[in-house]
Amino acid sequence: LAADGEAELGDLEVLDGPVVVVVGSEGKGLSRLVGETCDVRVRIPMPGGAESLNAGVATGIVLYEAARHRS
Protein backbone atom coordinates (compact mmCIF):
# COMPACT_ATOMS: atom_id res chain seq x y z
CA LEU A 1 0.00 0.00 0.00
CA ALA A 2 1.29 3.43 -0.93
CA ALA A 3 -0.52 6.75 -1.08
CA ASP A 4 1.13 7.37 -4.46
CA GLY A 5 0.50 3.84 -5.80
CA GLU A 6 -0.03 3.37 -9.52
CA ALA A 7 -3.04 1.02 -9.17
CA GLU A 8 -6.27 1.26 -7.20
CA LEU A 9 -7.20 -1.48 -4.77
CA GLY A 10 -10.49 -2.44 -6.46
CA ASP A 11 -8.78 -3.01 -9.83
CA LEU A 12 -6.44 -5.80 -8.71
CA GLU A 13 -6.81 -9.38 -9.83
CA VAL A 14 -3.52 -10.21 -8.06
CA LEU A 15 -5.50 -10.53 -4.81
CA ASP A 16 -6.88 -13.87 -6.06
CA GLY A 17 -3.57 -15.72 -5.62
CA PRO A 18 -0.71 -15.76 -3.14
CA VAL A 19 0.10 -12.22 -2.11
CA VAL A 20 2.25 -10.30 0.37
CA VAL A 21 0.81 -7.03 1.63
CA VAL A 22 3.35 -4.36 2.59
CA VAL A 23 2.00 -1.31 4.37
CA GLY A 24 3.92 1.95 4.47
CA SER A 25 4.31 3.88 7.69
CA GLU A 26 1.77 6.55 8.49
CA GLY A 27 4.32 9.33 8.31
CA LYS A 28 6.72 8.48 5.50
CA GLY A 29 5.01 5.65 3.62
CA LEU A 30 7.13 2.98 1.94
CA SER A 31 10.86 3.43 1.75
CA ARG A 32 12.27 3.84 -1.74
CA LEU A 33 13.94 0.42 -1.69
CA VAL A 34 10.83 -1.41 -0.48
CA GLY A 35 8.65 0.41 -3.04
CA GLU A 36 11.02 -0.56 -5.86
CA THR A 37 10.94 -4.20 -4.74
CA CYS A 38 7.12 -4.45 -4.89
CA ASP A 39 5.49 -5.78 -8.06
CA VAL A 40 2.54 -3.40 -7.69
CA ARG A 41 2.07 -0.37 -5.47
CA VAL A 42 -1.58 0.15 -4.65
CA ARG A 43 -3.54 3.07 -3.27
CA ILE A 44 -6.97 3.05 -1.67
CA PRO A 45 -9.29 5.45 -3.53
CA MET A 46 -10.54 8.10 -1.12
CA PRO A 47 -12.90 10.74 -2.43
CA GLY A 48 -13.13 13.79 -0.23
CA GLY A 49 -10.57 15.67 1.78
CA ALA A 50 -8.63 12.88 3.56
CA GLU A 51 -5.02 12.44 2.42
CA SER A 52 -4.41 9.06 4.01
CA LEU A 53 -5.68 6.47 6.45
CA ASN A 54 -4.25 5.04 9.63
CA ALA A 55 -1.98 2.08 8.69
CA GLY A 56 -4.11 -0.39 10.67
CA VAL A 57 -7.33 0.79 9.01
CA ALA A 58 -5.73 0.64 5.54
CA THR A 59 -4.49 -2.90 6.23
CA GLY A 60 -7.98 -3.96 7.28
CA ILE A 61 -9.43 -2.60 4.06
CA VAL A 62 -6.90 -4.52 1.96
CA LEU A 63 -7.47 -7.77 3.85
CA TYR A 64 -11.24 -7.37 3.48
CA GLU A 65 -10.85 -6.75 -0.25
CA ALA A 66 -8.61 -9.83 -0.62
CA ALA A 67 -11.15 -11.99 1.25
CA ARG A 68 -13.96 -10.61 -0.93
CA HIS A 69 -12.03 -11.48 -4.12
CA ARG A 70 -11.42 -15.02 -2.87
CA SER A 71 -15.03 -15.78 -1.90
PDB file of N, CA and C in Angstrom:
ATOM      1  N   LEU A   1       0.835  -1.180   0.000  1.00  0.00           N
ATOM      2  CA  LEU A   1       0.000   0.000   0.000  1.00  0.00           C
ATOM      3  C   LEU A   1       0.877   1.240   0.000  1.00  0.00           C
ATOM      4  N   ALA A   2       0.558   2.170  -0.867  1.00  0.00           N
ATOM      5  CA  ALA A   2       1.292   3.434  -0.933  1.00  0.00           C
ATOM      6  C   ALA A   2       0.329   4.526  -1.376  1.00  0.00           C
ATOM      7  N   ALA A   3       0.375   5.653  -0.724  1.00  0.00           N
ATOM      8  CA  ALA A   3      -0.521   6.755  -1.079  1.00  0.00           C
ATOM      9  C   ALA A   3      -0.331   7.185  -2.518  1.00  0.00           C
ATOM     10  N   ASP A   4       0.864   6.989  -3.072  1.00  0.00           N
ATOM     11  CA  ASP A   4       1.130   7.372  -4.460  1.00  0.00           C
ATOM     12  C   ASP A   4       1.185   6.148  -5.379  1.00  0.00           C
ATOM     13  N   GLY A   5       0.492   5.072  -4.996  1.00  0.00           N
ATOM     14  CA  GLY A   5       0.497   3.843  -5.797  1.00  0.00           C
ATOM     15  C   GLY A   5      -0.063   4.049  -7.185  1.00  0.00           C
ATOM     16  N   GLU A   6       0.398   3.231  -8.139  1.00  0.00           N
ATOM     17  CA  GLU A   6      -0.032   3.370  -9.525  1.00  0.00           C
ATOM     18  C   GLU A   6      -1.344   2.649  -9.829  1.00  0.00           C
ATOM     19  N   ALA A   7      -1.792   1.758  -8.949  1.00  0.00           N
ATOM     20  CA  ALA A   7      -3.037   1.020  -9.165  1.00  0.00           C
ATOM     21  C   ALA A   7      -3.986   1.288  -8.004  1.00  0.00           C
ATOM     22  N   GLU A   8      -5.287   1.125  -8.266  1.00  0.00           N
ATOM     23  CA  GLU A   8      -6.272   1.261  -7.198  1.00  0.00           C
ATOM     24  C   GLU A   8      -6.641  -0.122  -6.687  1.00  0.00           C
ATOM     25  N   LEU A   9      -6.948  -0.213  -5.429  1.00  0.00           N
ATOM     26  CA  LEU A   9      -7.204  -1.483  -4.766  1.00  0.00           C
ATOM     27  C   LEU A   9      -8.285  -2.302  -5.462  1.00  0.00           C
ATOM     28  N   GLY A  10      -9.378  -1.705  -5.851  1.00  0.00           N
ATOM     29  CA  GLY A  10     -10.486  -2.442  -6.462  1.00  0.00           C
ATOM     30  C   GLY A  10     -10.183  -3.011  -7.834  1.00  0.00           C
ATOM     31  N   ASP A  11      -9.111  -2.577  -8.473  1.00  0.00           N
ATOM     32  CA  ASP A  11      -8.782  -3.012  -9.829  1.00  0.00           C
ATOM     33  C   ASP A  11      -7.844  -4.210  -9.874  1.00  0.00           C
ATOM     34  N   LEU A  12      -7.485  -4.777  -8.742  1.00  0.00           N
ATOM     35  CA  LEU A  12      -6.438  -5.797  -8.711  1.00  0.00           C
ATOM     36  C   LEU A  12      -6.972  -7.213  -8.774  1.00  0.00           C
ATOM     37  N   GLU A  13      -6.516  -7.952  -9.761  1.00  0.00           N
ATOM     38  CA  GLU A  13      -6.806  -9.378  -9.829  1.00  0.00           C
ATOM     39  C   GLU A  13      -5.747 -10.172  -9.068  1.00  0.00           C
ATOM     40  N   VAL A  14      -4.622  -9.542  -8.753  1.00  0.00           N
ATOM     41  CA  VAL A  14      -3.525 -10.210  -8.064  1.00  0.00           C
ATOM     42  C   VAL A  14      -3.957 -10.685  -6.676  1.00  0.00           C
ATOM     43  N   LEU A  15      -5.025 -10.120  -6.129  1.00  0.00           N
ATOM     44  CA  LEU A  15      -5.498 -10.532  -4.809  1.00  0.00           C
ATOM     45  C   LEU A  15      -6.094 -11.934  -4.811  1.00  0.00           C
ATOM     46  N   ASP A  16      -6.310 -12.527  -5.983  1.00  0.00           N
ATOM     47  CA  ASP A  16      -6.885 -13.865  -6.059  1.00  0.00           C
ATOM     48  C   ASP A  16      -5.887 -14.952  -5.698  1.00  0.00           C
ATOM     49  N   GLY A  17      -4.598 -14.718  -5.871  1.00  0.00           N
ATOM     50  CA  GLY A  17      -3.568 -15.722  -5.623  1.00  0.00           C
ATOM     51  C   GLY A  17      -2.743 -15.392  -4.397  1.00  0.00           C
ATOM     52  N   PRO A  18      -1.605 -16.073  -4.257  1.00  0.00           N
ATOM     53  CA  PRO A  18      -0.709 -15.760  -3.139  1.00  0.00           C
ATOM     54  C   PRO A  18      -0.246 -14.311  -3.228  1.00  0.00           C
ATOM     55  N   VAL A  19      -0.235 -13.640  -2.104  1.00  0.00           N
ATOM     56  CA  VAL A  19       0.103 -12.220  -2.105  1.00  0.00           C
ATOM     57  C   VAL A  19       0.760 -11.844  -0.774  1.00  0.00           C
ATOM     58  N   VAL A  20       1.661 -10.902  -0.831  1.00  0.00           N
ATOM     59  CA  VAL A  20       2.246 -10.298   0.367  1.00  0.00           C
ATOM     60  C   VAL A  20       1.794  -8.845   0.389  1.00  0.00           C
ATOM     61  N   VAL A  21       1.258  -8.416   1.491  1.00  0.00           N
ATOM     62  CA  VAL A  21       0.809  -7.033   1.630  1.00  0.00           C
ATOM     63  C   VAL A  21       1.846  -6.277   2.462  1.00  0.00           C
ATOM     64  N   VAL A  22       2.384  -5.213   1.895  1.00  0.00           N
ATOM     65  CA  VAL A  22       3.352  -4.359   2.587  1.00  0.00           C
ATOM     66  C   VAL A  22       2.678  -3.011   2.794  1.00  0.00           C
ATOM     67  N   VAL A  23       2.668  -2.564   4.034  1.00  0.00           N
ATOM     68  CA  VAL A  23       2.000  -1.307   4.368  1.00  0.00           C
ATOM     69  C   VAL A  23       3.045  -0.281   4.774  1.00  0.00           C
ATOM     70  N   GLY A  24       2.992   0.868   4.126  1.00  0.00           N
ATOM     71  CA  GLY A  24       3.922   1.948   4.465  1.00  0.00           C
ATOM     72  C   GLY A  24       3.583   2.559   5.810  1.00  0.00           C
ATOM     73  N   SER A  25       4.551   3.221   6.399  1.00  0.00           N
ATOM     74  CA  SER A  25       4.310   3.880   7.687  1.00  0.00           C
ATOM     75  C   SER A  25       3.360   5.058   7.493  1.00  0.00           C
ATOM     76  N   GLU A  26       2.739   5.460   8.574  1.00  0.00           N
ATOM     77  CA  GLU A  26       1.766   6.552   8.490  1.00  0.00           C
ATOM     78  C   GLU A  26       2.421   7.879   8.154  1.00  0.00           C
ATOM     79  N   GLY A  27       3.652   8.062   8.555  1.00  0.00           N
ATOM     80  CA  GLY A  27       4.317   9.333   8.308  1.00  0.00           C
ATOM     81  C   GLY A  27       5.025   9.401   6.975  1.00  0.00           C
ATOM     82  N   LYS A  28       5.870   8.419   6.681  1.00  0.00           N
ATOM     83  CA  LYS A  28       6.720   8.484   5.502  1.00  0.00           C
ATOM     84  C   LYS A  28       6.343   7.502   4.403  1.00  0.00           C
ATOM     85  N   GLY A  29       5.404   6.625   4.640  1.00  0.00           N
ATOM     86  CA  GLY A  29       5.014   5.654   3.624  1.00  0.00           C
ATOM     87  C   GLY A  29       6.069   4.580   3.444  1.00  0.00           C
ATOM     88  N   LEU A  30       6.137   4.008   2.249  1.00  0.00           N
ATOM     89  CA  LEU A  30       7.125   2.979   1.943  1.00  0.00           C
ATOM     90  C   LEU A  30       8.484   3.620   1.690  1.00  0.00           C
ATOM     91  N   SER A  31       9.532   2.932   2.102  1.00  0.00           N
ATOM     92  CA  SER A  31      10.863   3.425   1.754  1.00  0.00           C
ATOM     93  C   SER A  31      11.072   3.230   0.255  1.00  0.00           C
ATOM     94  N   ARG A  32      12.001   3.946  -0.313  1.00  0.00           N
ATOM     95  CA  ARG A  32      12.268   3.842  -1.742  1.00  0.00           C
ATOM     96  C   ARG A  32      12.622   2.410  -2.132  1.00  0.00           C
ATOM     97  N   LEU A  33      13.493   1.777  -1.369  1.00  0.00           N
ATOM     98  CA  LEU A  33      13.941   0.419  -1.690  1.00  0.00           C
ATOM     99  C   LEU A  33      12.793  -0.583  -1.614  1.00  0.00           C
ATOM    100  N   VAL A  34      11.979  -0.492  -0.596  1.00  0.00           N
ATOM    101  CA  VAL A  34      10.832  -1.407  -0.479  1.00  0.00           C
ATOM    102  C   VAL A  34       9.855  -1.164  -1.626  1.00  0.00           C
ATOM    103  N   GLY A  35       9.560   0.090  -1.933  1.00  0.00           N
ATOM    104  CA  GLY A  35       8.650   0.408  -3.036  1.00  0.00           C
ATOM    105  C   GLY A  35       9.140  -0.120  -4.367  1.00  0.00           C
ATOM    106  N   GLU A  36      10.449  -0.051  -4.603  1.00  0.00           N
ATOM    107  CA  GLU A  36      11.016  -0.556  -5.861  1.00  0.00           C
ATOM    108  C   GLU A  36      10.984  -2.080  -5.931  1.00  0.00           C
ATOM    109  N   THR A  37      10.956  -2.746  -4.787  1.00  0.00           N
ATOM    110  CA  THR A  37      10.936  -4.202  -4.740  1.00  0.00           C
ATOM    111  C   THR A  37       9.538  -4.764  -5.002  1.00  0.00           C
ATOM    112  N   CYS A  38       8.514  -3.991  -4.719  1.00  0.00           N
ATOM    113  CA  CYS A  38       7.124  -4.453  -4.887  1.00  0.00           C
ATOM    114  C   CYS A  38       6.769  -4.585  -6.365  1.00  0.00           C
ATOM    115  N   ASP A  39       5.985  -5.610  -6.691  1.00  0.00           N
ATOM    116  CA  ASP A  39       5.492  -5.783  -8.061  1.00  0.00           C
ATOM    117  C   ASP A  39       4.469  -4.710  -8.417  1.00  0.00           C
ATOM    118  N   VAL A  40       3.591  -4.398  -7.472  1.00  0.00           N
ATOM    119  CA  VAL A  40       2.540  -3.398  -7.692  1.00  0.00           C
ATOM    120  C   VAL A  40       2.415  -2.569  -6.423  1.00  0.00           C
ATOM    121  N   ARG A  41       2.367  -1.265  -6.591  1.00  0.00           N
ATOM    122  CA  ARG A  41       2.074  -0.367  -5.473  1.00  0.00           C
ATOM    123  C   ARG A  41       0.637   0.099  -5.637  1.00  0.00           C
ATOM    124  N   VAL A  42      -0.138  -0.062  -4.585  1.00  0.00           N
ATOM    125  CA  VAL A  42      -1.585   0.147  -4.651  1.00  0.00           C
ATOM    126  C   VAL A  42      -1.994   1.264  -3.705  1.00  0.00           C
ATOM    127  N   ARG A  43      -2.963   2.043  -4.139  1.00  0.00           N
ATOM    128  CA  ARG A  43      -3.545   3.069  -3.268  1.00  0.00           C
ATOM    129  C   ARG A  43      -5.020   2.738  -3.055  1.00  0.00           C
ATOM    130  N   ILE A  44      -5.553   3.195  -1.959  1.00  0.00           N
ATOM    131  CA  ILE A  44      -6.974   3.046  -1.668  1.00  0.00           C
ATOM    132  C   ILE A  44      -7.655   4.325  -2.139  1.00  0.00           C
ATOM    133  N   PRO A  45      -8.622   4.227  -3.053  1.00  0.00           N
ATOM    134  CA  PRO A  45      -9.289   5.449  -3.527  1.00  0.00           C
ATOM    135  C   PRO A  45     -10.080   6.093  -2.384  1.00  0.00           C
ATOM    136  N   MET A  46      -9.880   7.396  -2.208  1.00  0.00           N
ATOM    137  CA  MET A  46     -10.540   8.100  -1.119  1.00  0.00           C
ATOM    138  C   MET A  46     -11.079   9.438  -1.604  1.00  0.00           C
ATOM    139  N   PRO A  47     -12.316   9.457  -2.055  1.00  0.00           N
ATOM    140  CA  PRO A  47     -12.899  10.741  -2.432  1.00  0.00           C
ATOM    141  C   PRO A  47     -13.082  11.607  -1.192  1.00  0.00           C
ATOM    142  N   GLY A  48     -12.983  12.885  -1.359  1.00  0.00           N
ATOM    143  CA  GLY A  48     -13.132  13.792  -0.225  1.00  0.00           C
ATOM    144  C   GLY A  48     -11.807  14.414   0.154  1.00  0.00           C
ATOM    145  N   GLY A  49     -11.724  14.899   1.370  1.00  0.00           N
ATOM    146  CA  GLY A  49     -10.569  15.668   1.783  1.00  0.00           C
ATOM    147  C   GLY A  49      -9.456  14.897   2.474  1.00  0.00           C
ATOM    148  N   ALA A  50      -9.664  13.622   2.820  1.00  0.00           N
ATOM    149  CA  ALA A  50      -8.635  12.883   3.557  1.00  0.00           C
ATOM    150  C   ALA A  50      -7.448  12.556   2.651  1.00  0.00           C
ATOM    151  N   GLU A  51      -6.228  12.759   3.173  1.00  0.00           N
ATOM    152  CA  GLU A  51      -5.021  12.444   2.417  1.00  0.00           C
ATOM    153  C   GLU A  51      -4.629  10.985   2.570  1.00  0.00           C
ATOM    154  N   SER A  52      -4.819  10.433   3.765  1.00  0.00           N
ATOM    155  CA  SER A  52      -4.406   9.058   4.008  1.00  0.00           C
ATOM    156  C   SER A  52      -5.198   8.478   5.169  1.00  0.00           C
ATOM    157  N   LEU A  53      -5.036   7.172   5.358  1.00  0.00           N
ATOM    158  CA  LEU A  53      -5.683   6.465   6.450  1.00  0.00           C
ATOM    159  C   LEU A  53      -4.641   5.981   7.443  1.00  0.00           C
ATOM    160  N   ASN A  54      -5.075   5.703   8.641  1.00  0.00           N
ATOM    161  CA  ASN A  54      -4.248   5.037   9.628  1.00  0.00           C
ATOM    162  C   ASN A  54      -3.781   3.712   9.027  1.00  0.00           C
ATOM    163  N   ALA A  55      -2.537   3.297   9.297  1.00  0.00           N
ATOM    164  CA  ALA A  55      -1.979   2.078   8.695  1.00  0.00           C
ATOM    165  C   ALA A  55      -2.801   0.842   9.043  1.00  0.00           C
ATOM    166  N   GLY A  56      -3.303   0.753  10.268  1.00  0.00           N
ATOM    167  CA  GLY A  56      -4.115  -0.390  10.668  1.00  0.00           C
ATOM    168  C   GLY A  56      -5.439  -0.433   9.921  1.00  0.00           C
ATOM    169  N   VAL A  57      -6.067   0.706   9.745  1.00  0.00           N
ATOM    170  CA  VAL A  57      -7.330   0.787   9.007  1.00  0.00           C
ATOM    171  C   VAL A  57      -7.103   0.410   7.546  1.00  0.00           C
ATOM    172  N   ALA A  58      -6.043   0.951   6.947  1.00  0.00           N
ATOM    173  CA  ALA A  58      -5.731   0.638   5.544  1.00  0.00           C
ATOM    174  C   ALA A  58      -5.472  -0.852   5.366  1.00  0.00           C
ATOM    175  N   THR A  59      -4.761  -1.465   6.303  1.00  0.00           N
ATOM    176  CA  THR A  59      -4.494  -2.900   6.235  1.00  0.00           C
ATOM    177  C   THR A  59      -5.791  -3.689   6.303  1.00  0.00           C
ATOM    178  N   GLY A  60      -6.684  -3.300   7.178  1.00  0.00           N
ATOM    179  CA  GLY A  60      -7.981  -3.964   7.285  1.00  0.00           C
ATOM    180  C   GLY A  60      -8.773  -3.888   5.994  1.00  0.00           C
ATOM    181  N   ILE A  61      -8.732  -2.764   5.330  1.00  0.00           N
ATOM    182  CA  ILE A  61      -9.431  -2.603   4.056  1.00  0.00           C
ATOM    183  C   ILE A  61      -8.858  -3.543   3.006  1.00  0.00           C
ATOM    184  N   VAL A  62      -7.542  -3.638   2.942  1.00  0.00           N
ATOM    185  CA  VAL A  62      -6.896  -4.523   1.962  1.00  0.00           C
ATOM    186  C   VAL A  62      -7.225  -5.985   2.249  1.00  0.00           C
ATOM    187  N   LEU A  63      -7.159  -6.380   3.516  1.00  0.00           N
ATOM    188  CA  LEU A  63      -7.471  -7.771   3.854  1.00  0.00           C
ATOM    189  C   LEU A  63      -8.928  -8.103   3.559  1.00  0.00           C
ATOM    190  N   TYR A  64      -9.832  -7.170   3.820  1.00  0.00           N
ATOM    191  CA  TYR A  64     -11.237  -7.370   3.476  1.00  0.00           C
ATOM    192  C   TYR A  64     -11.400  -7.545   1.963  1.00  0.00           C
ATOM    193  N   GLU A  65     -10.758  -6.693   1.204  1.00  0.00           N
ATOM    194  CA  GLU A  65     -10.854  -6.755  -0.254  1.00  0.00           C
ATOM    195  C   GLU A  65     -10.291  -8.070  -0.790  1.00  0.00           C
ATOM    196  N   ALA A  66      -9.186  -8.547  -0.209  1.00  0.00           N
ATOM    197  CA  ALA A  66      -8.610  -9.827  -0.616  1.00  0.00           C
ATOM    198  C   ALA A  66      -9.572 -10.964  -0.304  1.00  0.00           C
ATOM    199  N   ALA A  67     -10.176 -10.947   0.877  1.00  0.00           N
ATOM    200  CA  ALA A  67     -11.155 -11.987   1.246  1.00  0.00           C
ATOM    201  C   ALA A  67     -12.362 -11.941   0.320  1.00  0.00           C
ATOM    202  N   ARG A  68     -12.800 -10.750  -0.024  1.00  0.00           N
ATOM    203  CA  ARG A  68     -13.956 -10.612  -0.932  1.00  0.00           C
ATOM    204  C   ARG A  68     -13.631 -11.191  -2.310  1.00  0.00           C
ATOM    205  N   HIS A  69     -12.441 -10.947  -2.813  1.00  0.00           N
ATOM    206  CA  HIS A  69     -12.032 -11.485  -4.118  1.00  0.00           C
ATOM    207  C   HIS A  69     -11.979 -13.007  -4.104  1.00  0.00           C
ATOM    208  N   ARG A  70     -11.614 -13.583  -2.973  1.00  0.00           N
ATOM    209  CA  ARG A  70     -11.419 -15.022  -2.869  1.00  0.00           C
ATOM    210  C   ARG A  70     -12.716 -15.773  -2.605  1.00  0.00           C
ATOM    211  N   SER A  71     -13.781 -15.087  -2.228  1.00  0.00           N
ATOM    212  CA  SER A  71     -15.033 -15.784  -1.900  1.00  0.00           C
ATOM    213  C   SER A  71     -15.873 -16.065  -3.125  1.00  0.00           C
TER     214      SER A  71
END
